[in-house]
N, C-alpha and C. Protein backbone atom coordinates (compact mmCIF):
# COMPACT_ATOMS: atom_id res chain seq x y z
N MET A 1 -37.05 -2.98 27.86
CA MET A 1 -36.82 -1.86 28.73
C MET A 1 -37.75 -1.78 29.79
N ARG A 2 -37.47 -1.41 30.92
CA ARG A 2 -38.28 -1.38 32.20
C ARG A 2 -39.26 -0.23 32.12
N SER A 3 -40.47 -0.45 32.43
CA SER A 3 -41.39 0.66 32.47
C SER A 3 -41.06 1.48 33.78
N VAL A 4 -41.84 2.76 33.84
CA VAL A 4 -41.60 3.51 34.99
C VAL A 4 -42.18 3.02 36.16
N ALA A 5 -43.27 2.16 36.04
CA ALA A 5 -43.92 1.40 37.13
C ALA A 5 -42.93 0.27 37.63
N ASP A 6 -42.20 -0.33 36.80
CA ASP A 6 -41.24 -1.29 37.37
C ASP A 6 -40.14 -0.71 38.10
N TRP A 7 -39.51 0.39 37.55
CA TRP A 7 -38.60 1.14 38.16
C TRP A 7 -39.16 1.64 39.71
N PHE A 8 -40.27 2.25 39.79
CA PHE A 8 -40.88 2.68 40.94
C PHE A 8 -41.16 1.54 42.02
N GLY A 9 -41.53 0.38 41.40
CA GLY A 9 -41.72 -0.60 42.33
C GLY A 9 -40.38 -1.23 43.03
N GLU A 10 -39.51 -1.31 42.18
CA GLU A 10 -38.08 -1.75 42.78
C GLU A 10 -37.49 -0.71 43.70
N TYR A 11 -37.64 0.56 43.25
CA TYR A 11 -37.05 1.69 44.17
C TYR A 11 -37.83 1.69 45.33
N GLY A 12 -39.11 1.64 45.41
CA GLY A 12 -40.09 1.69 46.52
C GLY A 12 -39.78 0.68 47.53
N ALA A 13 -39.25 -0.53 47.16
CA ALA A 13 -38.98 -1.56 48.11
C ALA A 13 -37.88 -1.22 48.98
N SER A 14 -37.05 -0.47 48.79
CA SER A 14 -35.96 -0.08 49.72
C SER A 14 -36.18 1.46 50.27
N HIS A 15 -37.49 1.81 50.06
CA HIS A 15 -37.74 3.23 50.62
C HIS A 15 -39.19 3.29 51.10
N ALA A 16 -39.33 2.29 52.14
CA ALA A 16 -40.73 2.08 52.87
C ALA A 16 -40.71 2.80 54.11
N ASN A 17 -39.67 2.86 54.83
CA ASN A 17 -39.67 3.37 56.07
C ASN A 17 -39.76 4.92 56.03
N PRO A 18 -40.82 5.47 57.09
CA PRO A 18 -41.30 6.77 56.95
C PRO A 18 -40.10 7.68 57.15
N THR A 19 -39.16 7.39 58.01
CA THR A 19 -38.06 8.22 58.29
C THR A 19 -37.14 8.40 56.97
N ASN A 20 -36.96 7.27 56.28
CA ASN A 20 -36.21 7.24 55.14
C ASN A 20 -36.89 7.91 54.07
N LYS A 21 -38.17 7.71 53.99
CA LYS A 21 -38.96 8.54 52.88
C LYS A 21 -38.77 10.08 53.05
N LEU A 22 -38.99 10.50 54.48
CA LEU A 22 -38.76 11.87 54.74
C LEU A 22 -37.37 12.40 54.29
N LEU A 23 -36.44 11.64 54.73
CA LEU A 23 -34.94 12.08 54.40
C LEU A 23 -34.80 12.16 52.76
N HIS A 24 -35.45 11.21 52.09
CA HIS A 24 -35.44 11.31 50.75
C HIS A 24 -36.11 12.45 50.13
N TRP A 25 -37.17 12.89 50.71
CA TRP A 25 -37.86 14.15 50.25
C TRP A 25 -37.07 15.32 50.38
N ILE A 26 -36.13 15.38 51.37
CA ILE A 26 -35.32 16.47 51.71
C ILE A 26 -34.14 16.29 50.75
N CYS A 27 -33.58 15.16 50.99
CA CYS A 27 -32.12 15.13 50.28
C CYS A 27 -31.90 14.90 48.91
N VAL A 28 -33.08 14.23 48.34
CA VAL A 28 -32.86 13.94 46.90
C VAL A 28 -32.89 15.23 46.17
N PRO A 29 -33.77 16.26 46.33
CA PRO A 29 -33.91 17.57 45.71
C PRO A 29 -32.55 18.27 45.97
N LEU A 30 -31.95 18.21 47.20
CA LEU A 30 -30.70 18.89 47.45
C LEU A 30 -29.60 18.18 46.76
N ILE A 31 -29.55 16.95 46.48
CA ILE A 31 -28.56 16.31 45.77
C ILE A 31 -28.52 16.71 44.18
N VAL A 32 -29.77 16.80 43.80
CA VAL A 32 -29.86 17.13 42.33
C VAL A 32 -29.43 18.72 42.27
N LEU A 33 -30.00 19.48 43.28
CA LEU A 33 -29.66 20.89 43.18
C LEU A 33 -28.01 20.98 43.10
N SER A 34 -27.42 20.24 44.06
CA SER A 34 -26.04 20.38 44.42
C SER A 34 -25.16 19.84 43.04
N LEU A 35 -25.65 18.91 42.42
CA LEU A 35 -25.12 18.32 41.20
C LEU A 35 -25.13 19.42 40.11
N MET A 36 -26.32 19.90 40.00
CA MET A 36 -26.51 20.84 38.94
C MET A 36 -25.68 22.16 39.31
N GLY A 37 -25.52 22.40 40.53
CA GLY A 37 -24.69 23.55 40.88
C GLY A 37 -23.21 23.33 40.49
N LEU A 38 -22.68 22.07 40.76
CA LEU A 38 -21.47 21.73 40.46
C LEU A 38 -21.16 21.81 38.97
N LEU A 39 -22.03 21.32 38.26
CA LEU A 39 -22.00 21.41 36.74
C LEU A 39 -22.15 22.76 36.17
N TRP A 40 -22.82 23.49 36.82
CA TRP A 40 -23.17 25.03 36.49
C TRP A 40 -21.77 25.59 36.61
N SER A 41 -20.93 25.28 37.38
CA SER A 41 -19.69 25.94 37.96
C SER A 41 -18.64 25.72 36.97
N ILE A 42 -18.61 24.69 36.21
CA ILE A 42 -17.64 24.28 35.24
C ILE A 42 -17.66 25.28 34.22
N PRO A 43 -16.53 25.85 33.78
CA PRO A 43 -16.47 26.86 32.85
C PRO A 43 -16.85 26.31 31.35
N VAL A 44 -17.48 27.09 30.65
CA VAL A 44 -17.94 26.58 29.37
C VAL A 44 -16.73 26.90 28.28
N PRO A 45 -16.66 26.36 27.14
CA PRO A 45 -15.66 26.73 26.20
C PRO A 45 -15.75 28.22 25.93
N ASP A 46 -14.60 28.70 25.47
CA ASP A 46 -14.55 30.05 24.98
C ASP A 46 -15.49 30.47 23.84
N ALA A 47 -15.65 29.48 22.99
CA ALA A 47 -16.54 29.66 21.76
C ALA A 47 -18.01 30.18 22.23
N LEU A 48 -18.26 29.74 23.61
CA LEU A 48 -19.59 30.08 23.99
C LEU A 48 -19.57 31.31 24.98
N ALA A 49 -18.55 32.14 24.93
CA ALA A 49 -18.38 33.23 25.92
C ALA A 49 -19.39 34.16 25.92
N ALA A 50 -20.20 34.43 24.83
CA ALA A 50 -21.23 35.33 24.74
C ALA A 50 -22.56 34.73 25.08
N ARG A 51 -22.41 33.53 25.65
CA ARG A 51 -23.74 32.72 25.87
C ARG A 51 -24.64 33.34 26.87
N PRO A 52 -25.86 33.08 26.91
CA PRO A 52 -26.69 33.46 28.24
C PRO A 52 -26.26 32.74 29.31
N PRO A 53 -26.35 33.34 30.58
CA PRO A 53 -25.71 32.73 31.79
C PRO A 53 -26.34 31.22 32.13
N TRP A 54 -27.65 31.15 31.60
CA TRP A 54 -28.24 29.88 31.83
C TRP A 54 -27.76 28.72 30.84
N LEU A 55 -27.00 29.03 29.95
CA LEU A 55 -26.44 27.99 28.94
C LEU A 55 -25.10 27.51 29.52
N ASN A 56 -25.16 26.38 30.35
CA ASN A 56 -23.94 25.88 30.88
C ASN A 56 -24.01 24.40 31.01
N TRP A 57 -23.08 23.70 31.66
CA TRP A 57 -23.15 22.32 31.62
C TRP A 57 -24.25 21.74 32.58
N GLY A 58 -24.60 22.50 33.50
CA GLY A 58 -25.85 22.23 34.42
C GLY A 58 -27.10 21.98 33.44
N THR A 59 -27.40 23.03 32.70
CA THR A 59 -28.62 22.94 31.98
C THR A 59 -28.57 21.89 30.97
N LEU A 60 -27.36 21.74 30.32
CA LEU A 60 -27.22 20.68 29.40
C LEU A 60 -27.50 19.28 30.09
N ALA A 61 -26.96 19.02 31.22
CA ALA A 61 -27.16 17.87 31.84
C ALA A 61 -28.72 17.65 32.31
N ALA A 62 -29.34 18.71 32.59
CA ALA A 62 -30.83 18.74 32.78
C ALA A 62 -31.62 18.28 31.51
N LEU A 63 -31.17 18.77 30.52
CA LEU A 63 -31.75 18.62 29.21
C LEU A 63 -31.66 17.06 28.85
N LEU A 64 -30.37 16.52 29.03
CA LEU A 64 -30.25 15.20 28.67
C LEU A 64 -31.01 14.27 29.72
N ALA A 65 -31.03 14.77 31.01
CA ALA A 65 -31.89 13.84 31.95
C ALA A 65 -33.39 13.82 31.37
N CYS A 66 -33.79 15.07 30.97
CA CYS A 66 -35.36 15.07 30.66
C CYS A 66 -35.58 14.16 29.36
N VAL A 67 -34.58 13.97 28.53
CA VAL A 67 -34.82 13.12 27.33
C VAL A 67 -34.84 11.76 27.86
N TYR A 68 -33.98 11.27 28.89
CA TYR A 68 -34.26 10.03 29.44
C TYR A 68 -35.43 9.82 30.10
N TYR A 69 -36.10 10.90 30.76
CA TYR A 69 -37.33 10.85 31.57
C TYR A 69 -38.49 10.74 30.51
N VAL A 70 -38.39 11.41 29.42
CA VAL A 70 -39.31 11.29 28.30
C VAL A 70 -39.64 9.94 27.83
N VAL A 71 -38.57 9.14 27.84
CA VAL A 71 -38.67 7.61 27.37
C VAL A 71 -39.56 7.05 28.39
N LEU A 72 -39.40 7.34 29.76
CA LEU A 72 -40.08 6.67 30.69
C LEU A 72 -41.50 7.11 30.84
N SER A 73 -41.76 8.53 30.72
CA SER A 73 -43.14 9.06 30.98
C SER A 73 -42.89 10.57 30.70
N VAL A 74 -43.79 10.91 29.54
CA VAL A 74 -43.74 12.29 29.15
C VAL A 74 -44.28 13.25 30.19
N ARG A 75 -45.37 12.86 30.96
CA ARG A 75 -45.85 13.68 31.95
C ARG A 75 -45.02 13.87 33.00
N LEU A 76 -44.25 12.82 33.36
CA LEU A 76 -43.10 13.04 34.50
C LEU A 76 -41.96 13.76 34.03
N ALA A 77 -41.78 13.71 32.80
CA ALA A 77 -40.57 14.54 32.19
C ALA A 77 -41.00 15.95 32.23
N ILE A 78 -42.29 16.29 31.98
CA ILE A 78 -42.67 17.82 32.04
C ILE A 78 -42.60 18.42 33.51
N GLY A 79 -42.92 17.51 34.49
CA GLY A 79 -42.97 17.83 35.92
C GLY A 79 -41.40 18.05 36.22
N ILE A 80 -40.57 17.10 35.88
CA ILE A 80 -39.23 17.15 36.17
C ILE A 80 -38.59 18.55 35.56
N ALA A 81 -38.90 18.76 34.40
CA ALA A 81 -38.47 19.87 33.63
C ALA A 81 -38.85 21.33 34.53
N LEU A 82 -40.03 21.25 35.03
CA LEU A 82 -40.56 22.36 35.69
C LEU A 82 -39.71 22.54 36.99
N GLY A 83 -39.50 21.34 37.66
CA GLY A 83 -38.55 21.30 38.85
C GLY A 83 -37.18 21.82 38.54
N PHE A 84 -36.62 21.50 37.33
CA PHE A 84 -35.16 21.99 36.84
C PHE A 84 -35.29 23.52 36.78
N VAL A 85 -36.40 24.05 36.39
CA VAL A 85 -36.46 25.48 36.21
C VAL A 85 -36.34 26.14 37.57
N LEU A 86 -37.28 25.53 38.50
CA LEU A 86 -37.00 26.04 39.99
C LEU A 86 -35.72 25.92 40.49
N LEU A 87 -35.11 24.75 40.24
CA LEU A 87 -33.70 24.56 40.84
C LEU A 87 -32.77 25.58 40.23
N PHE A 88 -32.97 25.81 38.98
CA PHE A 88 -31.99 26.78 38.18
C PHE A 88 -32.18 28.15 38.84
N ALA A 89 -33.41 28.52 39.13
CA ALA A 89 -33.70 29.81 39.89
C ALA A 89 -32.87 29.89 41.16
N VAL A 90 -33.03 28.83 41.95
CA VAL A 90 -32.23 28.72 43.21
C VAL A 90 -30.81 28.78 42.83
N LEU A 91 -30.24 28.19 41.97
CA LEU A 91 -28.86 28.11 41.71
C LEU A 91 -28.40 29.64 41.32
N ASN A 92 -29.19 30.21 40.38
CA ASN A 92 -29.06 31.62 40.16
C ASN A 92 -28.70 32.49 41.26
N ALA A 93 -29.58 32.37 42.30
CA ALA A 93 -29.58 33.04 43.61
C ALA A 93 -28.28 32.74 44.25
N LEU A 94 -28.15 31.35 44.28
CA LEU A 94 -26.78 31.04 45.12
C LEU A 94 -25.50 31.44 44.40
N ASP A 95 -25.54 31.54 43.07
CA ASP A 95 -24.47 32.11 42.27
C ASP A 95 -23.93 33.40 42.58
N SER A 96 -24.93 34.24 43.30
CA SER A 96 -24.64 35.60 43.56
C SER A 96 -24.11 35.78 44.76
N LEU A 97 -24.10 34.82 45.67
CA LEU A 97 -23.29 34.83 46.95
C LEU A 97 -21.97 35.27 46.83
N SER A 98 -21.33 35.71 47.90
CA SER A 98 -19.88 36.13 47.88
C SER A 98 -18.93 34.97 47.86
N TRP A 99 -19.28 33.76 48.02
CA TRP A 99 -18.43 32.60 47.76
C TRP A 99 -18.81 31.85 46.65
N PRO A 100 -17.92 30.97 46.20
CA PRO A 100 -18.23 30.33 44.89
C PRO A 100 -19.38 29.30 44.97
N LEU A 101 -20.09 29.15 43.75
CA LEU A 101 -21.42 28.31 43.83
C LEU A 101 -20.79 27.00 44.02
N TRP A 102 -19.55 26.45 43.41
CA TRP A 102 -19.15 25.12 43.63
C TRP A 102 -19.03 24.74 45.02
N ALA A 103 -18.56 25.71 45.97
CA ALA A 103 -18.29 25.34 47.36
C ALA A 103 -19.67 25.14 47.97
N THR A 104 -20.60 26.01 47.77
CA THR A 104 -21.80 25.80 48.34
C THR A 104 -22.54 24.47 47.83
N SER A 105 -22.39 24.34 46.60
CA SER A 105 -22.92 23.03 46.01
C SER A 105 -22.33 21.60 46.59
N LEU A 106 -20.85 21.78 46.78
CA LEU A 106 -20.16 20.70 47.39
C LEU A 106 -20.56 20.40 48.80
N ALA A 107 -20.93 21.47 49.64
CA ALA A 107 -21.30 21.33 50.97
C ALA A 107 -22.82 20.74 51.02
N ILE A 108 -23.55 21.17 50.16
CA ILE A 108 -24.90 20.63 50.17
C ILE A 108 -24.94 19.17 49.78
N PHE A 109 -24.15 18.86 48.66
CA PHE A 109 -23.95 17.55 48.25
C PHE A 109 -23.49 16.61 49.36
N VAL A 110 -22.50 16.91 50.15
CA VAL A 110 -22.06 16.05 51.34
C VAL A 110 -23.18 15.87 52.41
N VAL A 111 -23.60 16.95 52.72
CA VAL A 111 -24.64 16.83 53.86
C VAL A 111 -25.88 16.01 53.25
N ALA A 112 -26.42 16.23 52.16
CA ALA A 112 -27.51 15.54 51.61
C ALA A 112 -27.14 14.07 51.50
N TRP A 113 -26.02 13.69 51.02
CA TRP A 113 -25.69 12.16 50.95
C TRP A 113 -25.64 11.65 52.37
N ILE A 114 -25.04 12.43 53.24
CA ILE A 114 -25.11 11.84 54.74
C ILE A 114 -26.46 11.47 55.19
N GLY A 115 -27.35 12.46 54.91
CA GLY A 115 -28.85 12.13 55.18
C GLY A 115 -29.30 10.96 54.54
N GLN A 116 -28.96 10.84 53.08
CA GLN A 116 -29.45 9.68 52.57
C GLN A 116 -29.01 8.32 53.21
N PHE A 117 -27.72 8.30 53.61
CA PHE A 117 -27.16 7.07 54.15
C PHE A 117 -27.71 6.90 55.58
N ILE A 118 -28.10 7.98 56.26
CA ILE A 118 -28.88 7.68 57.56
C ILE A 118 -30.24 7.10 57.32
N GLY A 119 -30.88 7.67 56.33
CA GLY A 119 -32.12 7.02 55.98
C GLY A 119 -32.15 5.55 55.75
N HIS A 120 -31.10 5.31 54.95
CA HIS A 120 -30.93 3.80 54.60
C HIS A 120 -30.48 2.98 55.65
N ALA A 121 -29.79 3.61 56.76
CA ALA A 121 -29.42 2.92 57.82
C ALA A 121 -30.79 2.49 58.65
N VAL A 122 -31.72 3.50 58.65
CA VAL A 122 -32.81 3.44 59.42
C VAL A 122 -33.65 2.47 58.70
N GLU A 123 -33.75 2.33 57.43
CA GLU A 123 -34.48 1.50 56.73
C GLU A 123 -34.04 -0.03 56.78
N GLY A 124 -32.46 0.00 56.99
CA GLY A 124 -32.01 -1.35 57.11
C GLY A 124 -31.85 -2.06 55.66
N LYS A 125 -31.83 -1.09 54.63
CA LYS A 125 -31.50 -1.59 53.40
C LYS A 125 -30.50 -0.73 52.56
N ARG A 126 -29.93 -1.38 51.76
CA ARG A 126 -28.83 -0.59 50.92
C ARG A 126 -29.57 0.28 49.88
N PRO A 127 -28.91 1.46 49.68
CA PRO A 127 -29.52 2.21 48.53
C PRO A 127 -29.54 1.64 47.20
N SER A 128 -30.68 1.79 46.57
CA SER A 128 -30.88 1.10 45.16
C SER A 128 -29.73 1.22 44.16
N PHE A 129 -29.15 2.34 44.31
CA PHE A 129 -28.14 2.60 43.17
C PHE A 129 -26.94 1.63 43.21
N PHE A 130 -26.76 0.89 44.33
CA PHE A 130 -25.71 -0.11 44.40
C PHE A 130 -26.10 -1.30 43.64
N LYS A 131 -27.31 -1.58 43.29
CA LYS A 131 -27.85 -2.54 42.45
C LYS A 131 -27.71 -2.12 40.99
N ASP A 132 -28.06 -1.07 40.64
CA ASP A 132 -28.23 -0.41 39.31
C ASP A 132 -27.98 1.02 39.53
N VAL A 133 -27.01 1.72 38.73
CA VAL A 133 -26.77 3.15 38.92
C VAL A 133 -27.89 4.00 38.20
N GLN A 134 -28.71 3.41 37.32
CA GLN A 134 -29.83 4.11 36.94
C GLN A 134 -30.71 4.63 37.92
N PHE A 135 -30.69 3.91 39.17
CA PHE A 135 -31.61 4.39 40.25
C PHE A 135 -31.17 5.74 40.70
N LEU A 136 -30.09 6.28 40.59
CA LEU A 136 -29.78 7.65 40.80
C LEU A 136 -30.59 8.64 39.90
N MET A 137 -30.95 8.12 38.80
CA MET A 137 -31.98 8.90 37.93
C MET A 137 -33.45 8.74 38.35
N ILE A 138 -33.71 7.57 39.00
CA ILE A 138 -35.11 7.39 39.19
C ILE A 138 -35.46 7.98 40.56
N GLY A 139 -34.53 8.25 41.55
CA GLY A 139 -34.88 8.81 42.75
C GLY A 139 -35.89 10.07 42.65
N PRO A 140 -35.25 11.06 41.90
CA PRO A 140 -36.17 12.32 41.73
C PRO A 140 -37.46 12.03 41.25
N LEU A 141 -37.56 11.04 40.14
CA LEU A 141 -38.80 10.76 39.32
C LEU A 141 -39.72 10.09 40.41
N TRP A 142 -39.15 9.20 41.20
CA TRP A 142 -40.00 8.50 42.19
C TRP A 142 -40.72 9.46 43.16
N LEU A 143 -40.08 10.53 43.54
CA LEU A 143 -40.73 11.61 44.36
C LEU A 143 -41.75 12.29 43.62
N LEU A 144 -41.49 12.63 42.39
CA LEU A 144 -42.43 13.27 41.52
C LEU A 144 -43.68 12.48 41.24
N GLY A 145 -43.45 11.13 41.06
CA GLY A 145 -44.53 10.18 40.89
C GLY A 145 -45.34 10.04 42.17
N SER A 146 -44.75 10.12 43.22
CA SER A 146 -45.45 10.11 44.55
C SER A 146 -46.47 11.46 44.60
N LEU A 147 -45.82 12.50 44.26
CA LEU A 147 -46.45 13.65 44.22
C LEU A 147 -47.81 13.66 43.36
N TYR A 148 -47.55 13.14 42.15
CA TYR A 148 -48.57 13.08 41.09
C TYR A 148 -49.70 12.11 41.65
N ARG A 149 -49.31 11.06 42.32
CA ARG A 149 -50.38 10.27 42.70
C ARG A 149 -51.28 10.86 43.84
N ARG A 150 -50.62 11.63 44.75
CA ARG A 150 -51.28 12.43 45.78
C ARG A 150 -52.30 13.38 45.11
N LEU A 151 -51.72 13.90 43.92
CA LEU A 151 -52.67 15.04 43.38
C LEU A 151 -53.61 14.39 42.30
N GLY A 152 -53.63 13.15 42.10
CA GLY A 152 -54.45 12.42 41.19
C GLY A 152 -54.04 12.70 39.71
N ILE A 153 -52.80 12.91 39.49
CA ILE A 153 -52.29 13.12 38.14
C ILE A 153 -51.64 11.79 37.47
N ALA A 154 -52.37 11.53 36.48
CA ALA A 154 -51.77 10.13 35.89
C ALA A 154 -50.48 10.43 35.21
N TYR A 155 -49.60 9.42 35.06
CA TYR A 155 -48.35 9.37 34.41
C TYR A 155 -48.09 8.28 33.54
């Protein structure tokens, strides 16, 4: 199994251009937010009708993602979990708007992916996930790893 350093090294090879990096700092969190919003919007089974509002498909997906991240790095997984808490607070606010959360999430998703592809066009390299779909999970972790390095936090 690849280490987190291996994943980051390979991911970083196609994310060296400053414009592409900036677009990733903007677009990757928005893509995660939008995916969680789309999942949040899927109705849960009737058996869970009395559930708390935060118990939904988005939080389940976040939990599963955190399990994957723990395998790579416990410290990064803790940071991602805190990021999910922030994203879910934003989603809760977006869910109170007068239009459906799924519509907002879909619009954010489309715009953010356009930004990602613009960044890769500037970089001149294909997105990493074309090589391995797991890179879709590595993108948010790579950003967090960058933040940890700037703050001097080991992972």
